Protein backbone atom coordinates (compact mmCIF):
# COMPACT_ATOMS: atom_id res chain seq x y z
CA MET A 1 -12.91 -251.19 67.31
CA ARG A 2 -13.06 -247.56 66.88
CA ARG A 3 -16.26 -245.57 66.41
CA VAL A 4 -16.27 -242.74 64.11
CA ALA A 5 -18.97 -240.24 63.35
CA GLY A 6 -20.49 -238.50 60.59
CA SER A 7 -22.69 -235.32 60.57
CA VAL A 8 -24.35 -233.02 58.17
CA ALA A 9 -25.40 -229.48 58.29
CA ALA A 10 -27.55 -227.30 55.96
CA LEU A 11 -28.67 -223.96 55.38
CA VAL A 12 -31.32 -223.50 53.14
CA ILE A 13 -33.08 -220.39 53.10
CA LEU A 14 -32.78 -219.43 56.72
CA MET A 15 -33.59 -222.73 57.87
CA LEU A 16 -31.04 -224.61 60.08
CA GLY A 17 -30.32 -228.50 60.55
CA ALA A 18 -28.15 -230.98 61.64
CA THR A 19 -28.30 -234.64 61.99
CA VAL A 20 -26.15 -237.08 62.82
CA ALA A 21 -25.72 -240.11 60.38
CA PRO A 22 -26.41 -243.37 61.94
CA VAL A 23 -26.89 -246.62 59.68
CA PRO A 24 -30.50 -246.50 58.27
CA ALA A 25 -33.02 -248.59 59.69
CA GLY A 26 -33.56 -251.52 57.34
CA ALA A 27 -30.60 -250.46 55.10
CA THR A 28 -29.95 -252.69 52.26
CA LEU A 29 -27.60 -250.74 50.15
CA SER A 30 -24.20 -250.54 50.44
CA TYR A 31 -23.72 -246.95 50.18
CA ALA A 32 -25.73 -244.26 51.47
CA LEU A 33 -26.48 -240.69 50.19
CA HIS A 34 -28.14 -237.54 51.70
CA HIS A 35 -30.99 -235.78 50.14
CA ALA A 36 -32.60 -232.38 50.80
CA ALA A 37 -34.94 -229.89 49.17
CA ASP A 38 -33.45 -227.70 46.97
CA PRO A 39 -35.18 -224.19 46.69
CA TYR A 40 -33.62 -223.51 43.38
CA SER A 41 -35.27 -226.40 41.57
CA GLY A 42 -38.17 -227.31 43.87
CA ARG A 43 -36.78 -230.95 43.88
CA SER A 44 -35.20 -233.35 46.38
CA VAL A 45 -31.48 -233.52 45.47
CA VAL A 46 -28.67 -235.54 46.20
CA VAL A 47 -26.51 -233.46 48.40
CA ARG A 48 -23.17 -233.15 46.70
CA TRP A 49 -20.37 -230.87 45.67
CA SER A 50 -20.17 -229.26 42.59
CA PRO A 51 -17.58 -230.86 40.47
CA CYS A 52 -17.68 -228.43 37.59
CA GLN A 53 -19.41 -225.26 36.50
CA VAL A 54 -21.03 -224.12 33.49
CA THR A 55 -20.89 -220.54 32.13
CA SER A 56 -21.22 -218.69 29.41
CA THR A 57 -17.89 -219.45 27.91
CA GLY A 58 -17.85 -223.27 28.63
CA THR A 59 -17.29 -225.68 31.57
CA ALA A 60 -14.76 -224.98 34.40
CA THR A 61 -13.71 -227.82 36.70
CA HIS A 62 -14.30 -226.86 40.09
CA TYR A 63 -11.33 -227.56 42.62
CA ILE A 64 -12.39 -228.20 46.33
CA THR A 65 -9.72 -226.22 48.34
CA TYR A 66 -8.44 -227.53 51.59
CA ARG A 67 -5.80 -226.94 54.44
CA VAL A 68 -4.60 -229.34 56.74
CA ASN A 69 -3.92 -229.14 60.75
CA ALA A 70 -1.08 -231.75 61.19
CA ALA A 71 -0.79 -230.79 64.75
CA GLY A 72 3.04 -231.09 64.20
CA HIS A 73 3.41 -234.34 62.08
CA SER A 74 4.17 -233.14 58.48
CA SER A 75 3.65 -236.92 57.50
CA ARG A 76 -0.09 -236.39 57.88
CA ILE A 77 -0.12 -234.17 55.07
CA THR A 78 1.17 -236.77 52.77
CA LEU A 79 -1.38 -239.25 54.00
CA VAL A 80 -4.52 -236.51 53.37
CA LYS A 81 -2.99 -236.09 50.02
CA GLU A 82 -3.30 -239.78 49.43
CA ALA A 83 -6.51 -239.94 50.73
CA LEU A 84 -8.07 -237.30 48.76
CA SER A 85 -6.44 -239.06 45.58
CA LYS A 86 -8.27 -242.06 46.34
CA VAL A 87 -11.79 -239.96 46.67
CA THR A 88 -10.84 -238.29 43.25
CA ALA A 89 -10.23 -241.68 41.62
CA ALA A 90 -13.59 -243.13 42.84
CA SER A 91 -15.64 -239.74 42.44
CA GLY A 92 -14.04 -237.26 40.04
CA LEU A 93 -14.01 -234.87 42.64
CA ARG A 94 -10.53 -232.49 42.11
CA PHE A 95 -8.88 -231.10 45.22
CA ARG A 96 -6.39 -228.06 45.66
CA TYR A 97 -3.96 -227.92 48.61
CA LEU A 98 -3.56 -224.46 50.12
CA GLY A 99 -1.36 -225.27 52.94
CA THR A 100 -1.22 -225.81 56.58
CA THR A 101 -3.58 -224.21 59.40
CA THR A 102 -4.08 -224.23 62.98
CA TYR A 103 -7.58 -224.11 62.86
CA VAL A 104 -9.82 -226.74 64.44
CA PRO A 105 -13.41 -227.14 62.93
CA ARG A 106 -16.37 -226.99 65.25
CA ASP A 107 -19.83 -226.63 65.91
CA ALA A 108 -21.80 -223.70 66.75
CA VAL A 109 -24.01 -224.60 69.80
CA ILE A 110 -27.41 -222.92 69.35
CA HIS A 111 -29.28 -222.38 72.78
CA TYR A 112 -32.94 -222.62 71.50
CA PRO A 113 -35.57 -222.52 74.43
CA SER A 114 -36.24 -226.34 73.31
CA GLY A 115 -32.83 -227.56 73.81
CA ASP A 116 -29.24 -226.97 72.26
CA GLN A 117 -28.50 -227.69 68.66
CA TYR A 118 -25.11 -228.33 67.33
CA VAL A 119 -24.35 -226.93 64.02
CA PHE A 120 -21.22 -227.02 62.05
CA ASP A 121 -19.93 -223.73 61.67
CA ALA A 122 -18.79 -223.63 58.06
CA ALA A 123 -18.83 -219.79 57.59
CA GLN A 124 -16.22 -219.30 60.69
CA GLU A 125 -14.17 -222.25 58.90
CA ARG A 126 -14.22 -220.32 55.68
CA ALA A 127 -13.41 -216.96 57.37
CA LYS A 128 -10.79 -218.43 59.53
CA THR A 129 -8.99 -220.59 56.73
CA GLY A 130 -10.22 -219.45 53.28
CA ALA A 131 -10.57 -223.07 52.40
CA GLU A 132 -13.47 -224.95 51.26
CA LEU A 133 -12.28 -227.97 53.57
CA VAL A 134 -10.28 -228.40 56.59
CA VAL A 135 -8.62 -231.78 57.83
CA ALA A 136 -7.32 -231.48 61.38
CA TRP A 137 -5.77 -233.81 64.37
CA ALA A 138 -6.71 -232.46 67.66
CA PRO A 139 -7.55 -233.67 71.19
CA LYS A 140 -11.12 -234.24 72.14
CA SER A 141 -10.95 -231.05 74.23
CA ALA A 142 -10.16 -228.80 71.42
CA THR A 143 -13.36 -229.36 69.60
CA ASN A 144 -17.06 -230.36 69.93
CA LEU A 145 -17.05 -232.21 66.73
CA LEU A 146 -15.63 -235.24 68.67
CA THR A 147 -17.81 -236.59 71.45
CA GLY A 148 -17.80 -239.82 73.74
CA SER A 149 -14.95 -242.18 72.19
CA GLU A 150 -15.06 -241.34 68.56
CA ALA A 151 -12.00 -241.67 66.77
CA GLY A 152 -12.96 -239.07 64.25
CA SER A 153 -15.76 -237.01 63.02
CA GLY A 154 -16.56 -235.85 59.47
CA THR A 155 -18.89 -233.25 58.45
CA ALA A 156 -20.29 -230.97 55.69
CA SER A 157 -22.47 -227.97 54.96
CA TRP A 158 -24.61 -227.07 52.13
CA SER A 159 -26.32 -223.80 51.25
CA ALA A 160 -28.71 -223.00 48.57
CA ASN A 161 -31.35 -220.31 47.44
CA SER A 162 -33.59 -219.12 44.74
CA ARG A 163 -30.68 -218.26 42.44
CA SER A 164 -27.97 -220.95 43.41
CA GLN A 165 -28.31 -224.93 43.34
CA LEU A 166 -28.21 -226.75 46.47
CA ARG A 167 -24.67 -228.07 46.92
CA ILE A 168 -22.04 -228.71 49.68
CA VAL A 169 -19.89 -225.62 49.92
CA GLU A 170 -17.86 -226.58 53.26
CA GLY A 171 -16.56 -229.74 54.74
CA ALA A 172 -14.33 -230.70 57.78
CA VAL A 173 -12.69 -233.58 59.22
CA VAL A 174 -11.44 -234.02 62.69
CA LEU A 175 -9.17 -237.23 63.62
CA ARG A 176 -8.80 -237.30 67.62
CA THR A 177 -4.95 -237.29 68.69
CA GLY A 178 -3.54 -240.18 70.94
CA VAL A 179 -5.70 -242.86 69.01
CA ALA A 180 -3.53 -246.24 68.57
CA LEU A 181 -3.95 -247.04 65.15
CA LEU A 182 -1.95 -248.63 62.26
CA SER A 183 -0.01 -246.34 60.24
CA GLY A 184 -0.79 -245.91 56.52
CA PHE A 185 -3.74 -247.58 54.41
CA HIS A 186 -3.97 -250.92 55.86
CA ALA A 187 -7.05 -253.24 56.45
CA GLY A 188 -8.32 -253.23 59.89
CA GLU A 189 -7.61 -250.15 62.46
CA SER A 190 -5.48 -247.99 60.26
CA VAL A 191 -5.55 -244.09 60.44
CA GLY A 192 -5.64 -244.49 56.58
CA THR A 193 -9.22 -246.18 56.65
CA LEU A 194 -10.41 -243.95 59.56
CA LEU A 195 -9.71 -240.82 57.15
CA LEU A 196 -11.14 -242.20 54.39
CA HIS A 197 -14.38 -242.81 56.25
CA GLU A 198 -14.59 -239.42 57.48
CA LEU A 199 -13.53 -237.95 54.03
CA GLY A 200 -16.66 -239.90 52.61
CA HIS A 201 -18.68 -238.00 55.21
CA ALA A 202 -17.30 -234.51 54.24
CA VAL A 203 -18.29 -235.51 50.36
CA GLY A 204 -21.74 -236.36 51.03
CA LEU A 205 -21.70 -240.36 52.11
CA GLY A 206 -23.80 -241.83 55.16
CA HIS A 207 -23.24 -244.72 57.34
CA VAL A 208 -24.10 -248.23 55.96
CA GLY A 209 -24.63 -251.44 57.70
CA PHE A 210 -21.92 -253.62 55.74
CA ARG A 211 -18.55 -254.39 57.62
CA SER A 212 -16.83 -254.73 54.24
CA GLN A 213 -17.49 -251.04 53.44
CA VAL A 214 -15.31 -247.96 54.71
CA MET A 215 -18.42 -246.11 55.39
CA TYR A 216 -19.50 -249.00 58.19
CA PRO A 217 -19.89 -246.99 61.37
CA VAL A 218 -17.32 -248.79 63.49
CA ILE A 219 -13.97 -249.46 62.46
CA GLY A 220 -12.17 -252.59 63.53
CA SER A 221 -10.31 -255.95 62.28
CA TRP A 222 -12.98 -256.29 59.64
CA SER A 223 -12.40 -252.86 57.76
CA PRO A 224 -10.76 -252.58 54.29
CA ALA A 225 -7.58 -250.78 53.40
CA GLY A 226 -9.76 -248.80 51.17
CA TYR A 227 -13.23 -247.86 49.74
CA GLY A 228 -15.27 -250.91 48.82
CA SER A 229 -17.65 -251.40 45.99
CA GLY A 230 -20.35 -250.07 47.89
CA ASP A 231 -18.22 -246.84 48.74
CA ALA A 232 -16.99 -246.63 45.44
CA THR A 233 -20.53 -246.43 43.96
CA GLY A 234 -21.66 -243.71 46.33
CA LEU A 235 -18.60 -241.80 45.38
CA HIS A 236 -19.22 -242.05 41.81
CA LEU A 237 -23.04 -240.58 42.45
CA VAL A 238 -22.00 -237.63 44.44
CA GLY A 239 -19.03 -236.96 41.92
CA ARG A 240 -18.21 -235.60 38.35
CA ALA A 241 -20.63 -238.37 36.92
CA ALA A 242 -23.49 -236.35 38.57
CA GLY A 243 -23.22 -233.57 36.28
CA CYS A 244 -22.23 -229.86 36.55
CA PHE A 245 -23.74 -226.97 38.27
CA ARG A 246 -25.01 -224.03 36.35
CA THR A 247 -25.48 -221.40 39.10
CA PRO A 248 -22.60 -219.85 41.38
CA ALA A 249 -22.62 -221.37 44.85
CA ALA A 250 -24.21 -219.72 47.61
CA ALA A 251 -22.04 -218.62 50.96
CA PRO A 252 -21.35 -221.14 53.54
CA ALA A 253 -23.82 -221.50 56.32
CA ASP A 254 -23.73 -219.08 58.98
CA PRO A 255 -26.03 -220.48 61.65
CA ALA A 256 -24.41 -218.54 64.66
CA ALA A 257 -25.32 -215.26 63.00
CA ILE A 258 -28.87 -216.03 62.12
CA ALA A 259 -29.57 -217.08 65.30
CA ARG A 260 -27.84 -214.49 67.12
CA ALA A 261 -30.03 -211.93 65.07
CA ALA A 262 -33.03 -213.71 66.04
CA GLY A 263 -32.10 -213.27 69.80
CA ILE A 264 -30.72 -216.65 70.60
CA SER A 265 -27.80 -217.28 72.61
CA VAL A 266 -24.96 -219.17 70.73
CA THR A 267 -21.35 -220.57 71.89
CA GLY A 268 -18.71 -222.24 70.45
């Protein structure tokens, strides 16, 4: 049995927020989405990536760029590409591989007087890699995205302002090295199932209370080899079918810079 994690981080008009995604109390749906207030529209919207952009000359598909830190195992690049093809099949979101990286995603730790807050450092990831998504294998000691006994973590950061619709602009997946998992995409405790789970978080899905779905928060003998019907419904709702965006994307959230400017100590 392997515990997995998911988190989300947001920057909306200079407001920072981060939550861990537990199974919602009383959850009855086999999929879970995140909602947030969009300052552009003034409405609560589903948090998702932009699948396409409407411009004055037509509609262009948005390709989510990504890099892989395979920690010395080139076969992991193939695994990530296969996993993302499954995400594409269910959601219609498209991805473009930019190459490898040595970067390991992490949270910025903001030391508020009331206590520390951990927020995915999306701006640093973009600056270091030039990619919108990073999938990395790393030991627990290399990142604060892995805590406790978690085998993996997936996170996403979204941004918006009065001129830009709210959307996810940066995502990350970290898989812990040294964890004994089945290879490939197999039912049970397989690295493929773990990767699909964390990628689900990176594209906007939360945890569910049904073991038949990949987005159940613990991977075990009951875990499916691929996305279940509820997972697929959730991916459809955060994907191409949800519609194109009509405004350019805002920059990735930079919680560390905002906190420092306010005189608040930041590490990470």
